[in-house]
Protein backbone atom coordinates (compact mmCIF):
# COMPACT_ATOMS: atom_id res chain seq x y z
CA MET A 1 2.14 14.52 -9.64
CA ASN A 2 1.40 17.38 -7.44
CA PRO A 3 3.90 17.48 -4.54
CA LEU A 4 2.44 18.70 -1.32
CA LEU A 5 4.32 19.97 1.72
CA TRP A 6 2.73 19.20 5.07
CA SER A 7 3.91 19.88 8.52
CA GLY A 8 1.99 18.93 11.57
CA PRO A 9 2.46 20.44 15.11
CA GLY A 10 6.11 20.01 16.02
CA GLU A 11 6.93 17.82 13.05
CA ALA A 12 9.40 18.33 10.32
CA LYS A 13 8.08 19.07 6.82
CA ARG A 14 7.40 15.93 4.78
CA LEU A 15 6.94 15.66 1.09
CA PHE A 16 3.79 13.84 0.01
CA VAL A 17 3.05 13.12 -3.59
CA GLN A 18 -0.57 13.25 -4.70
CA TYR A 19 -1.20 11.12 -7.77
CA MET A 20 -3.95 12.21 -10.13
CA LYS A 21 -6.55 9.53 -10.58
CA ILE A 22 -7.07 8.33 -14.07
CA THR A 23 -10.28 6.55 -14.96
CA PHE A 24 -10.50 4.50 -18.17
CA LEU A 25 -14.25 4.29 -19.05
CA THR A 26 -15.55 1.89 -21.68
CA VAL A 27 -18.91 1.01 -23.04
CA GLY A 28 -19.13 -2.83 -22.92
CA LYS A 29 -16.88 -5.43 -21.43
CA THR A 30 -13.66 -6.79 -22.79
CA GLU A 31 -14.66 -10.26 -24.11
CA ASP A 32 -11.54 -11.96 -25.58
CA ALA A 33 -9.22 -13.65 -23.01
CA TYR A 34 -5.98 -12.60 -24.76
CA LEU A 35 -7.06 -8.94 -24.62
CA LYS A 36 -8.14 -9.21 -21.03
CA GLU A 37 -4.74 -10.72 -20.20
CA GLY A 38 -2.85 -7.98 -21.96
CA ILE A 39 -4.98 -5.23 -20.34
CA ASP A 40 -4.37 -6.81 -16.87
CA LYS A 41 -0.62 -6.92 -17.58
CA TYR A 42 -0.45 -3.15 -18.24
CA VAL A 43 -2.93 -2.19 -15.56
CA LYS A 44 -0.76 -4.06 -12.99
CA ARG A 45 2.36 -2.27 -14.28
CA LEU A 46 0.61 1.20 -14.14
CA LYS A 47 -0.09 0.83 -10.43
CA HIS A 48 3.61 1.82 -9.81
CA TYR A 49 2.93 5.18 -11.50
CA THR A 50 -0.67 6.33 -11.01
CA LYS A 51 -4.01 5.46 -9.54
CA LEU A 52 -5.85 3.89 -12.45
CA GLU A 53 -9.54 2.66 -12.34
CA LEU A 54 -11.13 0.72 -15.11
CA VAL A 55 -14.88 1.26 -15.31
CA GLU A 56 -17.05 -0.73 -17.73
CA ILE A 57 -20.59 0.50 -18.58
CA ASN A 58 -22.84 -2.35 -19.57
CA GLU A 59 -23.79 -2.46 -23.22
CA LEU A 60 -27.31 -1.50 -23.97
CA LYS A 61 -29.85 -4.30 -24.28
CA ASN A 62 -32.40 -4.63 -27.04
CA THR A 63 -30.72 -2.14 -29.35
CA LYS A 64 -32.27 -3.47 -32.67
CA ALA A 65 -35.24 -1.17 -32.05
CA LEU A 66 -32.98 1.88 -31.52
CA SER A 67 -31.51 4.03 -34.23
CA ALA A 68 -27.73 4.82 -34.01
CA GLU A 69 -28.55 8.28 -32.68
CA GLN A 70 -30.91 6.87 -29.97
CA GLN A 71 -28.22 4.40 -28.98
CA LYS A 72 -25.61 7.10 -28.74
CA ALA A 73 -27.99 9.27 -26.63
CA LYS A 74 -28.67 6.41 -24.18
CA GLU A 75 -24.90 5.65 -23.93
CA ALA A 76 -24.24 9.34 -23.33
CA GLU A 77 -26.50 9.38 -20.30
CA LEU A 78 -24.56 6.45 -18.81
CA ILE A 79 -21.18 8.03 -19.60
CA LEU A 80 -22.04 11.44 -18.27
CA LYS A 81 -23.34 9.95 -15.00
CA LYS A 82 -19.78 8.84 -14.29
CA VAL A 83 -18.27 12.35 -14.84
CA THR A 84 -18.13 15.16 -12.31
CA PRO A 85 -17.84 18.88 -13.24
CA LEU A 86 -14.21 18.80 -12.00
CA ASP A 87 -13.19 15.82 -14.04
CA HIS A 88 -10.99 16.37 -17.17
CA LEU A 89 -12.82 14.27 -19.82
CA ILE A 90 -10.80 12.97 -22.76
CA LEU A 91 -12.56 11.10 -25.60
CA LEU A 92 -10.55 8.51 -27.55
CA ASP A 93 -12.09 9.50 -30.89
CA GLU A 94 -11.02 9.20 -34.54
CA LYS A 95 -11.43 12.96 -34.86
CA GLY A 96 -9.10 13.70 -32.02
CA ILE A 97 -5.48 14.91 -31.96
CA GLU A 98 -2.89 12.34 -32.83
CA TYR A 99 0.21 12.26 -30.68
CA SER A 100 3.42 10.37 -30.91
CA SER A 101 4.20 8.36 -27.70
CA THR A 102 6.57 11.06 -26.43
CA GLN A 103 4.02 13.74 -27.15
CA PHE A 104 1.31 11.71 -25.25
CA ALA A 105 3.72 11.40 -22.38
CA ALA A 106 4.25 15.21 -22.30
CA TYR A 107 0.41 15.66 -22.38
CA ILE A 108 0.00 13.27 -19.40
CA ASN A 109 2.81 14.88 -17.52
CA LYS A 110 1.47 18.39 -18.12
CA LYS A 111 -1.96 17.45 -16.91
CA GLU A 112 -0.54 15.79 -13.76
CA ILE A 113 1.59 18.84 -12.93
CA SER A 114 -0.96 21.53 -13.71
CA SER A 115 -4.20 20.06 -12.55
CA SER A 116 -5.73 18.42 -9.52
CA ALA A 117 -8.71 17.23 -11.61
CA ASN A 118 -9.04 13.66 -12.39
CA MET A 119 -8.63 12.47 -15.94
CA ILE A 120 -11.35 10.26 -17.52
CA PHE A 121 -10.52 8.65 -20.87
CA VAL A 122 -13.53 7.18 -22.62
CA ILE A 123 -14.13 4.71 -25.42
CA GLY A 124 -17.67 5.00 -26.66
CA GLY A 125 -19.96 2.42 -28.23
CA PRO A 126 -19.91 1.07 -31.77
CA TYR A 127 -21.44 4.35 -33.19
CA GLY A 128 -19.18 6.79 -31.35
CA PHE A 129 -20.35 9.63 -29.05
CA ASP A 130 -23.50 11.63 -28.77
CA GLN A 131 -23.20 15.38 -29.24
CA SER A 132 -23.79 15.88 -25.47
CA VAL A 133 -20.60 13.97 -24.73
CA TYR A 134 -18.63 15.93 -27.34
CA GLN A 135 -19.82 19.15 -25.71
CA ARG A 136 -18.77 18.08 -22.19
CA ALA A 137 -15.32 16.70 -23.34
CA ASN A 138 -12.23 18.73 -22.57
CA ASP A 139 -10.06 17.00 -25.14
CA LYS A 140 -10.26 14.42 -27.98
CA ILE A 141 -7.27 12.02 -28.73
CA SER A 142 -6.93 9.65 -31.68
CA LEU A 143 -4.76 6.60 -31.22
CA SER A 144 -4.41 6.18 -35.02
CA ARG A 145 -6.07 7.19 -38.29
CA MET A 146 -6.84 3.56 -38.69
CA THR A 147 -10.02 1.96 -37.24
CA PHE A 148 -9.61 -0.63 -34.58
CA SER A 149 -12.21 -2.65 -32.72
CA HIS A 150 -13.36 -1.22 -29.51
CA GLN A 151 -11.95 -4.29 -27.79
CA MET A 152 -8.46 -3.81 -29.21
CA VAL A 153 -8.29 -0.09 -28.52
CA ARG A 154 -8.57 -0.87 -24.80
CA LEU A 155 -5.32 -2.84 -24.85
CA PHE A 156 -3.59 -0.27 -27.13
CA PHE A 157 -4.66 2.57 -24.81
CA VAL A 158 -3.35 1.06 -21.54
CA GLU A 159 -0.08 0.10 -23.24
CA GLN A 160 0.36 3.63 -24.41
CA LEU A 161 -0.50 4.97 -20.99
CA TYR A 162 2.15 2.68 -19.52
CA ARG A 163 4.65 3.83 -22.19
CA ALA A 164 3.89 7.37 -21.36
CA TYR A 165 4.74 6.93 -17.71
CA THR A 166 7.95 5.11 -18.51
CA ILE A 167 8.92 8.01 -20.77
CA ILE A 168 8.09 10.56 -18.03
CA LYS A 169 10.27 8.60 -15.57
CA GLY A 170 13.11 8.12 -18.03
CA GLU A 171 12.87 4.25 -17.89
CA PRO A 172 14.08 2.12 -20.77
CA TYR A 173 10.78 0.69 -22.01
CA HIS A 174 10.44 3.19 -24.91
CA HIS A 175 13.12 3.37 -27.55
CA GLU A 176 13.52 6.31 -29.99
C-alpha cells in the first residue's frame, strides 16, 4: 500500500491508502465447478486487502493446424495486448523462483510499498510462454517443482495470494 497525504483548501490532512491493482491473467476459462467455487471463495476474501481483477483470455480455436511455437506466439499477442509499459509482469512459470508462503508475502509487500505499478500475474497456455512474453516479463515465479494442470494452478495461486495478505496483516490464517 502506498499511503498518500492529501489536504484540500482549509482541510486537515487525511491519510488515503492507495492499493496496488493486481491482475490475474489466464489463457482459457476455468471449467470445473469445484475449482470455480474455490477461486471465487478466495477472490471474495482478497477484496478486503487489494484490488484484484481476473482476466481470462479465450483459448485459441482450431489449434490442430498450429505448431506449439505458433500457438505460443498467438497467445503471446493476446497476453501482451493486456499489458502496459508501466505494469509489473510476473509469469507463473516452472522455471521461476520458488518462494515459501512467507517469502511470497514479503515479495508482495515489497512490491506494494515500493511501486505504483500494477502487478499482472500470468498463467500461459498448455505449451507455456513465447519468447516475447519472457522478454517482457519482470519476474518469474514457480508455485512448485511439480506440474499441475492450468486449471488447478489458478486456485492454488489465489489461495497463496490470500495467504500472503494474511501474513502481511499478521492475521491467523497462516501457521508456521
